[in-house]
Amino acid sequence: METIAVATRSHSELVDITAQVQQLVTRSGVSEGLCLLYVPHTTAAVTINESADPSVKADIEMMLDKLVPWEGGYRHLEGNSAAHIKSCLVGASEMVMISQGQLVLGTWQGLFFCEFDGPRKRKLYVKLIPDKT
């Protein structure tokens, strides 16, 4: 298992981690298999989405804020329930295939660490699972 450190700069932010994950795959020598991404935080997430146009990230953040506003009369005393809810909606893990030493992503796809309660220093765990066939 590998760990990627992610230092977020904003309260809510989608950080493109595609290159960092691909570097781990390349360094590992795994040519065929799976790449499991896992976020061990209850106010953050990981997702696959468009990485070519930065306005997509902004639109995702905007709509999540509309769906789950920061001020919502929540009961959680820490005051970050919106971040917990967004984490549940987006999800704590992703699985990506590896083929010929490359992450199998669509033309416009990238991997994103999703911060919902920052800025913070976060971790993303990466487990590479080689194909044994």
Protein backbone atom coordinates (compact mmCIF):
# COMPACT_ATOMS: atom_id res chain seq x y z
CA MET A 1 0.00 0.00 0.00
CA GLU A 2 1.19 3.51 -0.85
CA THR A 3 0.11 6.85 0.60
CA ILE A 4 -0.30 10.10 -1.28
CA ALA A 5 -0.23 13.27 0.82
CA VAL A 6 -2.75 15.88 -0.29
CA ALA A 7 -2.54 19.41 1.12
CA THR A 8 -5.78 21.20 0.33
CA ARG A 9 -5.95 24.98 0.19
CA SER A 10 -9.69 25.65 0.23
CA HIS A 11 -12.76 24.81 2.25
CA SER A 12 -14.09 22.81 -0.71
CA GLU A 13 -11.79 21.70 -3.49
CA LEU A 14 -11.32 18.96 -6.10
CA VAL A 15 -7.61 18.17 -6.48
CA ASP A 16 -6.49 16.33 -9.62
CA ILE A 17 -4.32 13.43 -8.40
CA THR A 18 -4.15 11.51 -11.70
CA ALA A 19 -0.44 12.15 -12.34
CA GLN A 20 0.55 11.19 -8.79
CA VAL A 21 -1.38 7.92 -8.97
CA GLN A 22 0.05 7.11 -12.41
CA GLN A 23 3.57 7.72 -11.03
CA LEU A 24 2.91 5.12 -8.34
CA VAL A 25 1.71 2.64 -10.95
CA THR A 26 4.76 3.27 -13.13
CA ARG A 27 7.19 2.97 -10.22
CA SER A 28 5.54 -0.27 -9.07
CA GLY A 29 6.08 -2.08 -12.34
CA VAL A 30 2.50 -3.40 -12.33
CA SER A 31 1.55 -3.74 -15.98
CA GLU A 32 -1.86 -5.41 -15.62
CA GLY A 33 -4.18 -5.28 -12.63
CA LEU A 34 -6.23 -2.97 -10.47
CA CYS A 35 -5.62 0.25 -8.59
CA LEU A 36 -7.72 0.80 -5.47
CA LEU A 37 -7.97 4.37 -4.14
CA TYR A 38 -9.25 4.89 -0.61
CA VAL A 39 -9.77 8.08 1.41
CA PRO A 40 -9.56 7.48 5.20
CA HIS A 41 -11.40 10.69 6.10
CA THR A 42 -15.09 11.25 6.84
CA THR A 43 -15.16 14.73 5.30
CA ALA A 44 -13.33 13.97 2.06
CA ALA A 45 -13.83 11.66 -0.92
CA VAL A 46 -12.39 10.46 -4.21
CA THR A 47 -14.02 10.44 -7.65
CA ILE A 48 -13.41 10.01 -11.37
CA ASN A 49 -14.59 12.84 -13.60
CA GLU A 50 -13.61 15.18 -16.42
CA SER A 51 -10.15 16.68 -16.04
CA ALA A 52 -9.85 18.58 -19.33
CA ASP A 53 -12.10 21.53 -18.52
CA PRO A 54 -11.61 23.10 -15.05
CA SER A 55 -15.14 24.51 -15.14
CA VAL A 56 -16.46 20.97 -14.56
CA LYS A 57 -14.75 20.90 -11.14
CA ALA A 58 -16.26 24.30 -10.34
CA ASP A 59 -19.72 23.11 -11.45
CA ILE A 60 -19.48 19.97 -9.28
CA GLU A 61 -18.47 22.03 -6.25
CA MET A 62 -21.26 24.56 -6.92
CA MET A 63 -23.96 21.90 -7.23
CA LEU A 64 -22.79 19.96 -4.16
CA ASP A 65 -22.98 23.25 -2.22
CA LYS A 66 -26.54 23.77 -3.49
CA LEU A 67 -27.56 20.21 -2.65
CA VAL A 68 -25.87 20.26 0.76
CA PRO A 69 -25.40 23.84 2.00
CA TRP A 70 -22.86 24.47 4.75
CA GLU A 71 -25.54 26.06 6.95
CA GLY A 72 -28.44 23.66 7.12
CA GLY A 73 -29.61 23.39 10.70
CA TYR A 74 -27.57 20.22 11.25
CA ARG A 75 -27.26 18.67 14.72
CA HIS A 76 -23.60 17.62 14.61
CA LEU A 77 -21.82 19.78 17.20
CA GLU A 78 -18.57 20.06 15.28
CA GLY A 79 -20.36 22.11 12.62
CA ASN A 80 -19.19 20.20 9.54
CA SER A 81 -22.17 17.96 8.79
CA ALA A 82 -22.34 19.24 5.21
CA ALA A 83 -18.83 17.87 4.63
CA HIS A 84 -19.80 14.48 6.06
CA ILE A 85 -22.88 14.31 3.82
CA LYS A 86 -20.92 15.29 0.70
CA SER A 87 -18.36 12.60 1.50
CA CYS A 88 -21.17 10.02 1.65
CA LEU A 89 -22.61 11.20 -1.66
CA VAL A 90 -19.29 11.11 -3.54
CA GLY A 91 -17.74 8.08 -1.84
CA ALA A 92 -14.52 7.06 -0.11
CA SER A 93 -13.10 4.74 -2.78
CA GLU A 94 -12.59 4.13 -6.49
CA MET A 95 -11.22 1.19 -8.44
CA VAL A 96 -9.35 1.74 -11.71
CA MET A 97 -8.02 -0.91 -14.09
CA ILE A 98 -4.35 -0.93 -15.08
CA SER A 99 -3.38 -2.08 -18.57
CA GLN A 100 0.09 -1.98 -20.11
CA GLY A 101 1.29 -0.05 -17.06
CA GLN A 102 -1.27 2.73 -17.51
CA LEU A 103 -4.40 3.66 -15.61
CA VAL A 104 -7.39 2.84 -17.80
CA LEU A 105 -9.26 6.14 -17.93
CA GLY A 106 -11.40 7.68 -20.63
CA THR A 107 -10.01 10.44 -22.83
CA TRP A 108 -11.29 13.22 -20.57
CA GLN A 109 -11.25 11.41 -17.23
CA GLY A 110 -9.07 12.17 -14.25
CA LEU A 111 -8.87 11.15 -10.59
CA PHE A 112 -9.85 13.73 -8.00
CA PHE A 113 -9.37 13.98 -4.26
CA CYS A 114 -12.43 15.83 -2.99
CA GLU A 115 -11.99 18.11 0.02
CA PHE A 116 -15.16 19.20 1.81
CA ASP A 117 -13.80 20.53 5.14
CA GLY A 118 -10.48 22.18 4.42
CA PRO A 119 -7.95 23.41 4.17
CA ARG A 120 -6.25 20.36 5.65
CA LYS A 121 -3.41 17.90 5.24
CA ARG A 122 -4.97 14.68 4.01
CA LYS A 123 -4.03 11.17 2.92
CA LEU A 124 -5.07 8.97 0.05
CA TYR A 125 -4.23 5.28 0.22
CA VAL A 126 -3.39 3.47 -3.02
CA LYS A 127 -3.32 -0.32 -3.27
CA LEU A 128 -2.04 -1.85 -6.50
CA ILE A 129 -3.31 -5.34 -7.20
CA PRO A 130 -1.35 -7.13 -9.95
CA ASP A 131 -3.16 -9.51 -12.29
CA LYS A 132 -1.76 -13.00 -11.64
CA THR A 133 -2.93 -14.56 -14.93
